[in-house]
Structure formats: C-alpha cells, structure tokens
Amino acid sequence: MAWVLSKDGIDDYGQAANPVTGYPFSFMVYVKRSKASAAQSIISIAHPTADNVYFALAFDTSNRPTIIAAPRTATAPTPSGTDWMQALACFDSSTSRRIIVDGAEQELSGRPTTAVSFNTDCDSLLVGLLRTVSPTWYYGGLVREVSIWNKSLSEDEAKRYLNRFLEGNETGLLRYWRLDTGSGSTEDDVVAASTMTFYGSTWASITEFFSPRYHCLIFRG
C-alpha cells in the first residue's frame, strides 16, 4: 500500500535546516490544494525573530499562486484548482522574482521587481507554514517532491522536470525530499541527507501521481 502524509491546515508543518545562502534560488514542489480562500504558505524560509523578513511560495486568499520576498508580493493571475500542480518560485535576484506553474511562466501582478536584499539570518526551511505573519499561514492539501535549488530555474527546466521524479544529481539541486516514506515523522533528503521533521502528521494512501500508487504529504485544510 502507498501512503501520503496528512496535515490539518491548522497547525501541521514540516521543518528542516535552511540550505539557501543567497540569490539566486528556487523552490519547486507538487501540490494539490484542499484548503480554499485562505492565505497559506507552501514553502518558506524566514528570519527567526524579525516579523517581516521571509521568502515564500504561497497561495493568496483568492487561491492564486504567490511569491513573496517580504514585504514585496507578486501573484499569478489565475486561481489554482484542486488538481495536482507543479509550482515553482524562482528568486532570480534582489529585483527579479518569477512563478512557474505546470511548466508555464506566469505574468505576475504586484511587485516582482522591487528590490529586496537576501537576509542570511533566515534559518529554518518550512513546508506548509509561514510563521512570521499573523495569523500564521498553514497550508491545507497534499504536497510532494519538495526541491530547493541554488539557481534560478527556467521555464524550459520546469517543463523538463514536469511530471517526473528527479534523479537527485541535477545541477544546482540543494535538497530534495520526495515525501514518500509512508511512515514515521521524519524524512532525509536525497541530496545531503538533511532531515525534515513533520509535526502533527499522519500517513494516508492515494492512487494518483507519476505512478499508479505513491506517497505524498497531506496538509489538511
């Protein structure tokens, strides 16, 4: 039997050490949202004490994919559905941020080019949580294939990686959690054996993804 990790969208999340040290960097992930009409973070890195220093891939209250280099936010034009989607947040530089959805770069509204310096004090990498906002943003739904890169991924690269597993040795790949173990409260990434710990999580089965049966994380909304 295959399994997924279930999270409640209220207080469940995953946490690992932040491997990002500066621009450029990218987040790539597969998500299947169940929580609607609420701001929710998919992946974030944040300063441990400063409230307005963070970088995130999120959904806004209209269910639109959103990239944040706090305090600057930029949003894709189309709300996400509740099917699986590939989502990338690409932080090219202090003045360039992009979102790619299912291999297609999005035209962003908001402030994708306003300068935001990277803060090297950002510590934890969080999946399903943005802790420095009030109320806290918890993600509700499924998540799988979390990868962190020390490069700005292109639209062509997103298409190349769409709907397939990574090998784990791709150029620029810093961390890669498949989120498919099916048991326990931790998982090591494929690249550097960096442990992600899951809080408030249970495993359940699904029958949809790249193969007939597989595991993923569920953040219950």
N, C-alpha and C. Protein backbone atom coordinates (compact mmCIF):
# COMPACT_ATOMS: atom_id res chain seq x y z
N MET A 1 0.84 -1.20 0.00
CA MET A 1 0.00 0.00 0.00
C MET A 1 0.88 1.25 0.00
N ALA A 2 0.48 2.24 -0.75
CA ALA A 2 1.20 3.51 -0.78
C ALA A 2 0.56 4.49 0.21
N TRP A 3 1.36 5.46 0.64
CA TRP A 3 0.90 6.35 1.70
C TRP A 3 1.19 7.82 1.37
N VAL A 4 0.44 8.72 2.00
CA VAL A 4 0.70 10.15 1.96
C VAL A 4 0.73 10.66 3.40
N LEU A 5 1.35 11.77 3.62
CA LEU A 5 1.38 12.37 4.95
C LEU A 5 0.27 13.40 5.06
N SER A 6 -0.56 13.28 6.06
CA SER A 6 -1.73 14.12 6.22
C SER A 6 -1.45 15.24 7.21
N LYS A 7 -1.78 16.49 6.81
CA LYS A 7 -1.62 17.66 7.67
C LYS A 7 -2.92 18.45 7.68
N ASP A 8 -3.22 19.08 8.80
CA ASP A 8 -4.56 19.58 9.01
C ASP A 8 -4.82 21.01 8.56
N GLY A 9 -3.79 21.72 8.06
CA GLY A 9 -4.01 23.10 7.66
C GLY A 9 -4.24 24.05 8.82
N ILE A 10 -4.09 23.54 10.03
CA ILE A 10 -4.30 24.34 11.24
C ILE A 10 -3.00 24.54 12.00
N ASP A 11 -2.27 23.45 12.24
CA ASP A 11 -1.02 23.59 12.99
C ASP A 11 0.02 22.54 12.60
N ASP A 12 -0.12 21.91 11.43
CA ASP A 12 0.84 20.90 10.97
C ASP A 12 1.83 21.51 9.98
N TYR A 13 3.07 21.03 10.04
CA TYR A 13 4.08 21.53 9.10
C TYR A 13 5.29 20.61 9.11
N GLY A 14 6.19 20.85 8.15
CA GLY A 14 7.48 20.18 8.11
C GLY A 14 8.59 21.20 8.27
N GLN A 15 9.69 20.78 8.89
CA GLN A 15 10.78 21.71 9.16
C GLN A 15 12.13 21.04 8.93
N ALA A 16 13.03 21.77 8.28
CA ALA A 16 14.40 21.31 8.05
C ALA A 16 15.32 22.53 8.11
N ALA A 17 16.62 22.29 8.17
CA ALA A 17 17.58 23.40 8.14
C ALA A 17 17.53 24.09 6.78
N ASN A 18 17.65 25.39 6.79
CA ASN A 18 17.62 26.17 5.56
C ASN A 18 18.95 26.07 4.83
N PRO A 19 18.96 25.56 3.57
CA PRO A 19 20.22 25.46 2.83
C PRO A 19 20.53 26.68 1.98
N VAL A 20 19.61 27.64 1.89
CA VAL A 20 19.76 28.79 0.99
C VAL A 20 20.63 29.85 1.65
N THR A 21 21.63 30.33 0.92
CA THR A 21 22.54 31.33 1.47
C THR A 21 22.49 32.66 0.72
N GLY A 22 21.73 32.73 -0.36
CA GLY A 22 21.65 33.98 -1.12
C GLY A 22 21.06 33.74 -2.49
N TYR A 23 20.90 34.83 -3.24
CA TYR A 23 20.39 34.74 -4.61
C TYR A 23 21.44 34.13 -5.53
N PRO A 24 20.99 33.44 -6.60
CA PRO A 24 19.61 33.04 -6.91
C PRO A 24 19.25 31.75 -6.19
N PHE A 25 17.95 31.50 -6.05
CA PHE A 25 17.48 30.22 -5.53
C PHE A 25 16.05 29.99 -6.01
N SER A 26 15.63 28.73 -5.95
CA SER A 26 14.29 28.36 -6.41
C SER A 26 13.70 27.30 -5.50
N PHE A 27 12.37 27.34 -5.38
CA PHE A 27 11.60 26.26 -4.76
C PHE A 27 10.81 25.57 -5.87
N MET A 28 10.76 24.25 -5.85
CA MET A 28 9.87 23.52 -6.75
C MET A 28 9.13 22.46 -5.94
N VAL A 29 7.84 22.30 -6.23
CA VAL A 29 7.02 21.40 -5.43
C VAL A 29 5.78 21.01 -6.24
N TYR A 30 5.19 19.89 -5.88
CA TYR A 30 3.88 19.50 -6.41
C TYR A 30 2.87 19.59 -5.28
N VAL A 31 1.73 20.24 -5.56
CA VAL A 31 0.72 20.44 -4.53
C VAL A 31 -0.66 20.12 -5.10
N LYS A 32 -1.53 19.71 -4.21
CA LYS A 32 -2.94 19.50 -4.52
C LYS A 32 -3.73 20.13 -3.39
N ARG A 33 -4.18 21.34 -3.63
CA ARG A 33 -4.77 22.16 -2.57
C ARG A 33 -6.18 21.68 -2.23
N SER A 34 -6.47 21.63 -0.92
CA SER A 34 -7.83 21.37 -0.48
C SER A 34 -8.40 22.54 0.31
N LYS A 35 -7.55 23.29 0.99
CA LYS A 35 -7.96 24.47 1.74
C LYS A 35 -8.19 25.61 0.76
N ALA A 36 -9.29 26.36 0.92
CA ALA A 36 -9.64 27.40 -0.04
C ALA A 36 -9.84 28.74 0.65
N SER A 37 -9.63 29.81 -0.14
CA SER A 37 -9.95 31.18 0.29
C SER A 37 -9.26 31.57 1.59
N ALA A 38 -8.02 31.13 1.72
CA ALA A 38 -7.22 31.48 2.89
C ALA A 38 -5.77 31.61 2.47
N ALA A 39 -5.07 32.61 2.99
CA ALA A 39 -3.63 32.73 2.73
C ALA A 39 -2.93 31.53 3.36
N GLN A 40 -2.11 30.84 2.58
CA GLN A 40 -1.45 29.64 3.08
C GLN A 40 -0.10 29.48 2.40
N SER A 41 0.88 29.12 3.18
CA SER A 41 2.25 29.00 2.70
C SER A 41 2.57 27.56 2.34
N ILE A 42 3.19 27.38 1.17
CA ILE A 42 3.62 26.05 0.75
C ILE A 42 5.04 25.80 1.23
N ILE A 43 5.97 26.69 0.89
CA ILE A 43 7.36 26.61 1.31
C ILE A 43 7.80 28.00 1.74
N SER A 44 8.54 28.08 2.84
CA SER A 44 9.06 29.38 3.26
C SER A 44 10.38 29.22 3.98
N ILE A 45 11.18 30.27 3.94
CA ILE A 45 12.33 30.44 4.81
C ILE A 45 12.18 31.81 5.45
N ALA A 46 12.52 31.92 6.73
CA ALA A 46 12.25 33.16 7.44
C ALA A 46 13.29 33.44 8.50
N HIS A 47 13.40 34.70 8.84
CA HIS A 47 14.23 35.14 9.95
C HIS A 47 13.64 34.61 11.26
N PRO A 48 14.45 34.17 12.21
CA PRO A 48 13.90 33.57 13.43
C PRO A 48 13.14 34.53 14.33
N THR A 49 13.43 35.83 14.23
CA THR A 49 12.77 36.78 15.14
C THR A 49 12.13 37.97 14.43
N ALA A 50 12.67 38.39 13.29
CA ALA A 50 12.11 39.55 12.58
C ALA A 50 10.83 39.16 11.87
N ASP A 51 9.74 39.89 12.12
CA ASP A 51 8.43 39.51 11.59
C ASP A 51 8.32 39.66 10.08
N ASN A 52 9.06 40.58 9.50
CA ASN A 52 8.84 40.90 8.08
C ASN A 52 10.06 40.57 7.22
N VAL A 53 10.75 39.48 7.57
CA VAL A 53 11.89 39.03 6.78
C VAL A 53 11.66 37.56 6.44
N TYR A 54 11.14 37.31 5.24
CA TYR A 54 10.89 35.93 4.82
C TYR A 54 10.75 35.86 3.30
N PHE A 55 10.90 34.64 2.80
CA PHE A 55 10.77 34.35 1.37
C PHE A 55 9.86 33.13 1.26
N ALA A 56 8.84 33.20 0.40
CA ALA A 56 7.84 32.13 0.42
C ALA A 56 7.20 31.92 -0.94
N LEU A 57 6.75 30.68 -1.15
CA LEU A 57 5.81 30.31 -2.20
C LEU A 57 4.51 30.00 -1.49
N ALA A 58 3.42 30.65 -1.90
CA ALA A 58 2.18 30.56 -1.13
C ALA A 58 0.97 30.62 -2.07
N PHE A 59 -0.20 30.49 -1.47
CA PHE A 59 -1.47 30.84 -2.12
C PHE A 59 -2.05 32.04 -1.40
N ASP A 60 -2.65 32.98 -2.17
CA ASP A 60 -3.31 34.10 -1.52
C ASP A 60 -4.76 33.73 -1.20
N THR A 61 -5.52 34.67 -0.69
CA THR A 61 -6.89 34.38 -0.28
C THR A 61 -7.83 34.10 -1.45
N SER A 62 -7.36 34.38 -2.67
CA SER A 62 -8.12 34.02 -3.88
C SER A 62 -7.59 32.75 -4.53
N ASN A 63 -6.76 32.00 -3.80
CA ASN A 63 -6.20 30.72 -4.24
C ASN A 63 -5.21 30.86 -5.39
N ARG A 64 -4.64 32.04 -5.55
CA ARG A 64 -3.66 32.27 -6.61
C ARG A 64 -2.24 32.01 -6.11
N PRO A 65 -1.41 31.31 -6.91
CA PRO A 65 -0.01 31.14 -6.52
C PRO A 65 0.67 32.49 -6.34
N THR A 66 1.47 32.60 -5.28
CA THR A 66 2.05 33.88 -4.88
C THR A 66 3.51 33.67 -4.48
N ILE A 67 4.37 34.59 -4.90
CA ILE A 67 5.77 34.57 -4.48
C ILE A 67 6.01 35.80 -3.62
N ILE A 68 6.71 35.60 -2.51
CA ILE A 68 6.90 36.68 -1.55
C ILE A 68 8.38 36.80 -1.20
N ALA A 69 8.94 37.99 -1.37
CA ALA A 69 10.21 38.38 -0.76
C ALA A 69 9.84 39.56 0.12
N ALA A 70 9.52 39.25 1.37
CA ALA A 70 8.87 40.23 2.24
C ALA A 70 9.65 41.54 2.31
N PRO A 71 8.92 42.64 2.24
CA PRO A 71 7.47 42.74 2.23
C PRO A 71 6.84 42.79 0.84
N ARG A 72 7.57 42.39 -0.20
CA ARG A 72 7.08 42.52 -1.57
C ARG A 72 6.43 41.22 -2.03
N THR A 73 5.22 41.34 -2.61
CA THR A 73 4.44 40.19 -3.02
C THR A 73 4.08 40.32 -4.49
N ALA A 74 4.12 39.20 -5.20
CA ALA A 74 3.69 39.15 -6.59
C ALA A 74 2.84 37.90 -6.79
N THR A 75 1.79 38.03 -7.61
CA THR A 75 0.77 36.98 -7.67
C THR A 75 0.47 36.60 -9.11
N ALA A 76 0.30 35.31 -9.35
CA ALA A 76 -0.11 34.81 -10.65
C ALA A 76 -1.57 35.19 -10.91
N PRO A 77 -1.98 35.28 -12.19
CA PRO A 77 -3.32 35.80 -12.48
C PRO A 77 -4.45 34.81 -12.25
N THR A 78 -4.17 33.51 -12.29
CA THR A 78 -5.23 32.51 -12.31
C THR A 78 -5.27 31.73 -11.01
N PRO A 79 -6.42 31.64 -10.36
CA PRO A 79 -6.53 30.81 -9.16
C PRO A 79 -6.20 29.35 -9.46
N SER A 80 -5.61 28.69 -8.49
CA SER A 80 -5.32 27.27 -8.65
C SER A 80 -6.59 26.46 -8.45
N GLY A 81 -6.63 25.31 -9.13
CA GLY A 81 -7.72 24.38 -8.88
C GLY A 81 -7.37 23.45 -7.74
N THR A 82 -8.03 22.31 -7.72
CA THR A 82 -7.77 21.33 -6.66
C THR A 82 -7.16 20.06 -7.23
N ASP A 83 -6.62 20.13 -8.46
CA ASP A 83 -5.85 19.03 -9.02
C ASP A 83 -4.37 19.23 -8.70
N TRP A 84 -3.58 18.19 -8.93
CA TRP A 84 -2.13 18.32 -8.75
C TRP A 84 -1.58 19.40 -9.67
N MET A 85 -0.65 20.18 -9.16
CA MET A 85 0.03 21.18 -9.98
C MET A 85 1.49 21.24 -9.57
N GLN A 86 2.33 21.50 -10.57
CA GLN A 86 3.74 21.80 -10.33
C GLN A 86 3.85 23.30 -10.11
N ALA A 87 4.50 23.71 -9.02
CA ALA A 87 4.64 25.13 -8.71
C ALA A 87 6.09 25.45 -8.41
N LEU A 88 6.62 26.50 -9.05
CA LEU A 88 7.97 26.95 -8.82
C LEU A 88 7.97 28.41 -8.42
N ALA A 89 8.75 28.74 -7.41
CA ALA A 89 9.05 30.12 -7.05
C ALA A 89 10.53 30.34 -7.34
N CYS A 90 10.82 31.25 -8.25
CA CYS A 90 12.20 31.49 -8.69
C CYS A 90 12.63 32.88 -8.25
N PHE A 91 13.59 32.92 -7.34
CA PHE A 91 14.13 34.17 -6.82
C PHE A 91 15.44 34.43 -7.57
N ASP A 92 15.33 35.14 -8.71
CA ASP A 92 16.47 35.33 -9.60
C ASP A 92 17.55 36.22 -8.98
N SER A 93 17.10 37.30 -8.36
CA SER A 93 17.99 38.31 -7.80
C SER A 93 17.17 39.17 -6.86
N SER A 94 17.78 40.21 -6.32
CA SER A 94 17.04 41.10 -5.42
C SER A 94 15.92 41.85 -6.14
N THR A 95 15.99 41.91 -7.47
CA THR A 95 14.99 42.67 -8.23
C THR A 95 14.25 41.83 -9.26
N SER A 96 14.27 40.52 -9.13
CA SER A 96 13.56 39.68 -10.09
C SER A 96 13.05 38.41 -9.42
N ARG A 97 11.73 38.21 -9.49
CA ARG A 97 11.08 37.02 -8.93
C ARG A 97 10.05 36.51 -9.92
N ARG A 98 9.94 35.18 -10.05
CA ARG A 98 9.05 34.59 -11.05
C ARG A 98 8.29 33.40 -10.45
N ILE A 99 7.13 33.13 -11.02
CA ILE A 99 6.36 31.93 -10.70
C ILE A 99 6.16 31.13 -11.98
N ILE A 100 6.37 29.83 -11.88
CA ILE A 100 6.11 28.91 -12.99
C ILE A 100 5.11 27.88 -12.50
N VAL A 101 4.04 27.66 -13.27
CA VAL A 101 3.01 26.69 -12.91
C VAL A 101 2.87 25.70 -14.05
N ASP A 102 3.07 24.42 -13.76
CA ASP A 102 2.96 23.35 -14.76
C ASP A 102 3.76 23.66 -16.02
N GLY A 103 4.98 24.15 -15.81
CA GLY A 103 5.90 24.41 -16.91
C GLY A 103 5.69 25.71 -17.65
N ALA A 104 4.75 26.55 -17.20
CA ALA A 104 4.46 27.82 -17.89
C ALA A 104 4.71 28.99 -16.94
N GLU A 105 5.58 29.91 -17.35
CA GLU A 105 5.84 31.09 -16.55
C GLU A 105 4.62 32.00 -16.54
N GLN A 106 4.32 32.57 -15.36
CA GLN A 106 3.11 33.38 -15.18
C GLN A 106 3.42 34.87 -15.29
N GLU A 107 2.44 35.61 -15.82
CA GLU A 107 2.52 37.07 -15.79
C GLU A 107 2.07 37.53 -14.41
N LEU A 108 2.95 38.18 -13.67
CA LEU A 108 2.67 38.49 -12.28
C LEU A 108 2.16 39.91 -12.08
N SER A 109 1.25 40.04 -11.14
CA SER A 109 0.84 41.36 -10.66
C SER A 109 1.46 41.58 -9.30
N GLY A 110 1.56 42.84 -8.91
CA GLY A 110 2.20 43.14 -7.63
C GLY A 110 3.57 43.74 -7.83
N ARG A 111 4.54 43.27 -7.03
CA ARG A 111 5.87 43.87 -7.04
C ARG A 111 6.96 42.81 -7.21
N PRO A 112 7.04 42.20 -8.39
CA PRO A 112 8.06 41.16 -8.59
C PRO A 112 9.46 41.71 -8.84
N THR A 113 9.60 43.04 -9.01
CA THR A 113 10.92 43.61 -9.33
C THR A 113 11.41 44.62 -8.30
N THR A 114 10.63 44.89 -7.28
CA THR A 114 11.08 45.80 -6.22
C THR A 114 12.22 45.16 -5.45
N ALA A 115 13.28 45.91 -5.20
CA ALA A 115 14.49 45.35 -4.59
C ALA A 115 14.24 44.86 -3.17
N VAL A 116 14.67 43.62 -2.90
CA VAL A 116 14.64 43.04 -1.56
C VAL A 116 15.95 42.28 -1.37
N SER A 117 16.75 42.70 -0.42
CA SER A 117 18.02 42.03 -0.15
C SER A 117 17.77 40.69 0.54
N PHE A 118 18.65 39.72 0.27
CA PHE A 118 18.55 38.44 0.97
C PHE A 118 19.12 38.59 2.38
N ASN A 119 18.47 37.98 3.33
CA ASN A 119 18.91 38.04 4.72
C ASN A 119 19.50 36.69 5.11
N THR A 120 20.78 36.65 5.40
CA THR A 120 21.46 35.38 5.69
C THR A 120 21.10 34.82 7.06
N ASP A 121 20.34 35.55 7.86
CA ASP A 121 19.90 35.04 9.15
C ASP A 121 18.65 34.17 9.06
N CYS A 122 18.06 34.09 7.89
CA CYS A 122 16.93 33.17 7.72
C CYS A 122 17.40 31.75 8.06
N ASP A 123 16.66 31.08 8.93
CA ASP A 123 17.17 29.82 9.44
C ASP A 123 16.41 28.61 8.91
N SER A 124 15.25 28.30 9.42
CA SER A 124 14.57 27.06 9.05
C SER A 124 13.88 27.15 7.69
N LEU A 125 13.85 26.02 7.03
CA LEU A 125 13.01 25.81 5.85
C LEU A 125 11.73 25.15 6.34
N LEU A 126 10.59 25.74 6.00
CA LEU A 126 9.30 25.26 6.50
C LEU A 126 8.41 24.87 5.32
N VAL A 127 7.80 23.71 5.41
CA VAL A 127 6.85 23.24 4.40
C VAL A 127 5.47 23.25 5.03
N GLY A 128 4.57 24.04 4.47
CA GLY A 128 3.21 24.13 4.99
C GLY A 128 3.01 25.17 6.05
N LEU A 129 3.97 26.07 6.23
CA LEU A 129 3.89 27.06 7.32
C LEU A 129 4.66 28.32 6.98
N LEU A 130 4.06 29.46 7.26
CA LEU A 130 4.76 30.74 7.34
C LEU A 130 4.48 31.29 8.72
N ARG A 131 5.50 31.32 9.57
CA ARG A 131 5.27 31.56 11.00
C ARG A 131 5.38 33.02 11.39
N THR A 132 5.88 33.89 10.52
CA THR A 132 6.16 35.27 10.93
C THR A 132 5.04 36.22 10.56
N VAL A 133 3.89 35.71 10.17
CA VAL A 133 2.73 36.55 9.90
C VAL A 133 1.64 36.21 10.90
N SER A 134 0.69 37.10 11.04
CA SER A 134 -0.41 36.86 11.97
C SER A 134 -1.74 37.15 11.26
N PRO A 135 -2.66 36.16 11.19
CA PRO A 135 -2.49 34.79 11.71
C PRO A 135 -1.49 33.99 10.88
N THR A 136 -0.93 32.95 11.48
CA THR A 136 0.04 32.10 10.81
C THR A 136 -0.58 31.42 9.60
N TRP A 137 0.20 31.33 8.51
CA TRP A 137 -0.29 30.71 7.28
C TRP A 137 0.06 29.23 7.27
N TYR A 138 -0.95 28.37 7.39
CA TYR A 138 -0.76 26.92 7.26
C TYR A 138 -1.40 26.46 5.96
N TYR A 139 -0.70 25.57 5.27
CA TYR A 139 -1.18 25.04 4.00
C TYR A 139 -2.11 23.85 4.25
N GLY A 140 -3.20 23.77 3.49
CA GLY A 140 -4.11 22.64 3.58
C GLY A 140 -4.18 21.90 2.25
N GLY A 141 -3.77 20.64 2.21
CA GLY A 141 -3.82 19.86 0.99
C GLY A 141 -2.68 18.85 0.94
N LEU A 142 -2.37 18.38 -0.24
CA LEU A 142 -1.30 17.42 -0.43
C LEU A 142 -0.05 18.12 -0.94
N VAL A 143 1.09 17.57 -0.59
CA VAL A 143 2.36 18.11 -1.10
C VAL A 143 3.31 16.95 -1.34
N ARG A 144 4.11 17.08 -2.39
CA ARG A 144 5.03 16.02 -2.76
C ARG A 144 6.22 16.63 -3.51
N GLU A 145 7.36 15.95 -3.48
CA GLU A 145 8.50 16.33 -4.33
C GLU A 145 8.98 17.76 -4.05
N VAL A 146 9.37 18.05 -2.83
CA VAL A 146 9.91 19.36 -2.46
C VAL A 146 11.38 19.42 -2.83
N SER A 147 11.76 20.38 -3.67
CA SER A 147 13.17 20.55 -4.03
C SER A 147 13.57 22.02 -3.91
N ILE A 148 14.81 22.20 -3.43
CA ILE A 148 15.38 23.53 -3.23
C ILE A 148 16.64 23.62 -4.08
N TRP A 149 16.80 24.71 -4.80
CA TRP A 149 17.88 24.87 -5.78
C TRP A 149 18.67 26.13 -5.50
N ASN A 150 19.97 26.10 -5.84
CA ASN A 150 20.80 27.31 -5.72
C ASN A 150 20.98 27.98 -7.06
N LYS A 151 19.95 27.89 -7.88
CA LYS A 151 19.92 28.52 -9.19
C LYS A 151 18.50 28.96 -9.47
N SER A 152 18.35 29.82 -10.45
CA SER A 152 17.03 30.25 -10.87
C SER A 152 16.57 29.33 -12.00
N LEU A 153 15.60 28.51 -11.73
CA LEU A 153 15.14 27.56 -12.73
C LEU A 153 14.39 28.28 -13.85
N SER A 154 14.57 27.81 -15.06
CA SER A 154 13.95 28.41 -16.22
C SER A 154 12.63 27.70 -16.55
N GLU A 155 11.87 28.30 -17.44
CA GLU A 155 10.64 27.67 -17.90
C GLU A 155 10.94 26.35 -18.61
N ASP A 156 12.02 26.30 -19.39
CA ASP A 156 12.39 25.06 -20.07
C ASP A 156 12.75 23.97 -19.07
N GLU A 157 13.45 24.33 -18.00
CA GLU A 157 13.80 23.34 -16.97
C GLU A 157 12.54 22.84 -16.26
N ALA A 158 11.61 23.75 -15.97
CA ALA A 158 10.36 23.34 -15.34
C ALA A 158 9.62 22.34 -16.21
N LYS A 159 9.60 22.58 -17.51
CA LYS A 159 8.94 21.65 -18.43
C LYS A 159 9.67 20.30 -18.46
N ARG A 160 11.00 20.35 -18.40
CA ARG A 160 11.78 19.12 -18.41
C ARG A 160 11.50 18.27 -17.18
N TYR A 161 11.29 18.92 -16.03
CA TYR A 161 11.07 18.19 -14.78
C TYR A 161 9.59 17.92 -14.50
N LEU A 162 8.71 18.40 -15.36
CA LEU A 162 7.28 18.27 -15.13
C LEU A 162 6.85 16.81 -15.16
N ASN A 163 6.12 16.41 -14.12
CA ASN A 163 5.52 15.07 -14.04
C ASN A 163 6.54 13.94 -14.13
N ARG A 164 7.68 14.15 -13.51
CA ARG A 164 8.65 13.06 -13.38
C ARG A 164 9.46 13.27 -12.12
N PHE A 165 10.02 12.18 -11.62
CA PHE A 165 10.87 12.25 -10.44
C PHE A 165 12.25 12.79 -10.81
N LEU A 166 12.85 13.55 -9.91
CA LEU A 166 14.22 13.98 -10.09
C LEU A 166 15.17 12.81 -9.82
N GLU A 167 16.36 12.89 -10.40
CA GLU A 167 17.37 11.86 -10.14
C GLU A 167 18.09 12.11 -8.81
N GLY A 168 18.17 13.38 -8.42
CA GLY A 168 18.88 13.73 -7.20
C GLY A 168 20.26 14.29 -7.44
N ASN A 169 20.73 14.26 -8.69
CA ASN A 169 22.07 14.77 -9.01
C ASN A 169 22.01 15.92 -10.02
N GLU A 170 20.84 16.54 -10.17
CA GLU A 170 20.70 17.64 -11.12
C GLU A 170 21.55 18.84 -10.70
N THR A 171 22.07 19.55 -11.67
CA THR A 171 22.91 20.73 -11.40
C THR A 171 22.12 21.77 -10.61
N GLY A 172 22.70 22.21 -9.51
CA GLY A 172 22.07 23.25 -8.70
C GLY A 172 21.10 22.74 -7.66
N LEU A 173 20.85 21.44 -7.61
CA LEU A 173 19.89 20.89 -6.64
C LEU A 173 20.54 20.83 -5.26
N LEU A 174 19.96 21.56 -4.30
CA LEU A 174 20.49 21.59 -2.93
C LEU A 174 19.84 20.53 -2.04
N ARG A 175 18.51 20.42 -2.12
CA ARG A 175 17.77 19.49 -1.28
C ARG A 175 16.60 18.92 -2.09
N TYR A 176 16.24 17.67 -1.78
CA TYR A 176 15.14 17.03 -2.49
C TYR A 176 14.50 16.01 -1.57
N TRP A 177 13.32 16.38 -1.06
CA TRP A 177 12.54 15.46 -0.25
C TRP A 177 11.41 14.90 -1.10
N ARG A 178 11.39 13.61 -1.32
CA ARG A 178 10.32 13.01 -2.13
C ARG A 178 9.00 12.96 -1.36
N LEU A 179 9.08 12.94 -0.04
CA LEU A 179 7.89 12.87 0.81
C LEU A 179 7.04 11.66 0.47
N ASP A 180 7.69 10.50 0.48
CA ASP A 180 7.02 9.27 0.07
C ASP A 180 7.33 8.09 0.98
N THR A 181 7.86 8.35 2.16
CA THR A 181 8.29 7.24 3.02
C THR A 181 7.13 6.42 3.54
N GLY A 182 5.99 7.06 3.80
CA GLY A 182 4.82 6.32 4.22
C GLY A 182 4.74 5.98 5.69
N SER A 183 5.76 6.32 6.48
CA SER A 183 5.71 6.05 7.91
C SER A 183 6.69 6.98 8.62
N GLY A 184 6.47 7.15 9.92
CA GLY A 184 7.38 7.95 10.72
C GLY A 184 7.10 9.44 10.64
N SER A 185 7.91 10.20 11.35
CA SER A 185 7.73 11.65 11.43
C SER A 185 8.93 12.41 10.90
N THR A 186 9.84 11.72 10.19
CA THR A 186 10.99 12.38 9.57
C THR A 186 11.26 11.78 8.20
N GLU A 187 11.98 12.54 7.37
CA GLU A 187 12.46 12.02 6.10
C GLU A 187 13.75 12.74 5.74
N ASP A 188 14.76 12.01 5.29
CA ASP A 188 16.01 12.60 4.84
C ASP A 188 15.91 12.93 3.36
N ASP A 189 16.54 14.05 2.98
CA ASP A 189 16.51 14.40 1.57
C ASP A 189 17.51 13.55 0.79
N VAL A 190 17.32 13.49 -0.51
CA VAL A 190 18.10 12.61 -1.38
C VAL A 190 19.51 13.12 -1.58
N VAL A 191 19.71 14.44 -1.52
CA VAL A 191 20.98 15.04 -1.89
C VAL A 191 21.99 15.03 -0.75
N ALA A 192 21.57 15.49 0.43
CA ALA A 192 22.52 15.72 1.52
C ALA A 192 22.11 15.05 2.82
N ALA A 193 21.08 14.20 2.77
CA ALA A 193 20.59 13.52 3.98
C ALA A 193 20.20 14.50 5.07
N SER A 194 19.71 15.67 4.66
CA SER A 194 19.21 16.65 5.62
C SER A 194 17.81 16.23 6.06
N THR A 195 17.60 16.15 7.35
CA THR A 195 16.35 15.62 7.88
C THR A 195 15.26 16.68 7.94
N MET A 196 14.08 16.33 7.39
CA MET A 196 12.89 17.13 7.59
C MET A 196 12.02 16.42 8.62
N THR A 197 11.57 17.17 9.61
CA THR A 197 10.72 16.63 10.66
C THR A 197 9.30 17.13 10.45
N PHE A 198 8.34 16.22 10.55
CA PHE A 198 6.93 16.56 10.35
C PHE A 198 6.24 16.66 11.70
N TYR A 199 5.50 17.72 11.89
CA TYR A 199 4.80 17.95 13.14
C TYR A 199 3.29 17.83 12.92
N GLY A 200 2.65 17.02 13.74
CA GLY A 200 1.21 16.83 13.65
C GLY A 200 0.78 16.12 12.39
N SER A 201 1.49 15.08 12.00
CA SER A 201 1.27 14.46 10.70
C SER A 201 0.88 12.99 10.85
N THR A 202 0.03 12.52 9.96
CA THR A 202 -0.29 11.11 9.83
C THR A 202 -0.21 10.73 8.37
N TRP A 203 -0.03 9.45 8.10
CA TRP A 203 0.08 8.98 6.72
C TRP A 203 -1.24 8.37 6.25
N ALA A 204 -1.59 8.61 4.98
CA ALA A 204 -2.77 8.02 4.36
C ALA A 204 -2.42 7.65 2.92
N SER A 205 -3.24 6.85 2.26
CA SER A 205 -2.92 6.38 0.91
C SER A 205 -3.63 7.20 -0.15
N ILE A 206 -3.00 7.29 -1.32
CA ILE A 206 -3.61 7.89 -2.51
C ILE A 206 -3.28 7.03 -3.72
N THR A 207 -3.95 7.30 -4.84
CA THR A 207 -3.74 6.50 -6.05
C THR A 207 -3.54 7.38 -7.27
N GLU A 208 -2.86 8.51 -7.10
CA GLU A 208 -2.67 9.45 -8.20
C GLU A 208 -1.33 10.16 -8.07
N PHE A 209 -0.59 10.21 -9.13
CA PHE A 209 0.64 10.99 -9.21
C PHE A 209 1.40 10.55 -10.45
N PHE A 210 2.73 10.40 -10.36
CA PHE A 210 3.50 9.98 -11.52
C PHE A 210 3.32 8.49 -11.81
N SER A 211 2.93 7.72 -10.80
CA SER A 211 2.76 6.28 -10.94
C SER A 211 1.42 5.90 -10.31
N PRO A 212 0.92 4.70 -10.54
CA PRO A 212 -0.41 4.34 -10.03
C PRO A 212 -0.58 4.52 -8.54
N ARG A 213 0.48 4.19 -7.74
CA ARG A 213 0.40 4.39 -6.30
C ARG A 213 1.71 4.99 -5.81
N TYR A 214 1.62 5.94 -4.92
CA TYR A 214 2.81 6.63 -4.46
C TYR A 214 2.47 7.31 -3.16
N HIS A 215 3.45 7.92 -2.51
CA HIS A 215 3.22 8.63 -1.26
C HIS A 215 3.35 10.13 -1.48
N CYS A 216 2.72 10.90 -0.64
CA CYS A 216 2.93 12.34 -0.62
C CYS A 216 2.47 12.86 0.73
N LEU A 217 2.67 14.15 0.96
CA LEU A 217 2.22 14.79 2.20
C LEU A 217 0.84 15.37 2.00
N ILE A 218 -0.01 15.24 3.00
CA ILE A 218 -1.30 15.93 3.01
C ILE A 218 -1.30 16.96 4.14
N PHE A 219 -1.61 18.20 3.80
CA PHE A 219 -1.84 19.23 4.80
C PHE A 219 -3.35 19.48 4.79
N ARG A 220 -4.05 18.99 5.77
CA ARG A 220 -5.50 19.03 5.77
C ARG A 220 -5.98 20.43 6.09
N GLY A 221 -6.83 21.00 5.19
CA GLY A 221 -7.36 22.35 5.39
C GLY A 221 -8.49 22.39 6.39
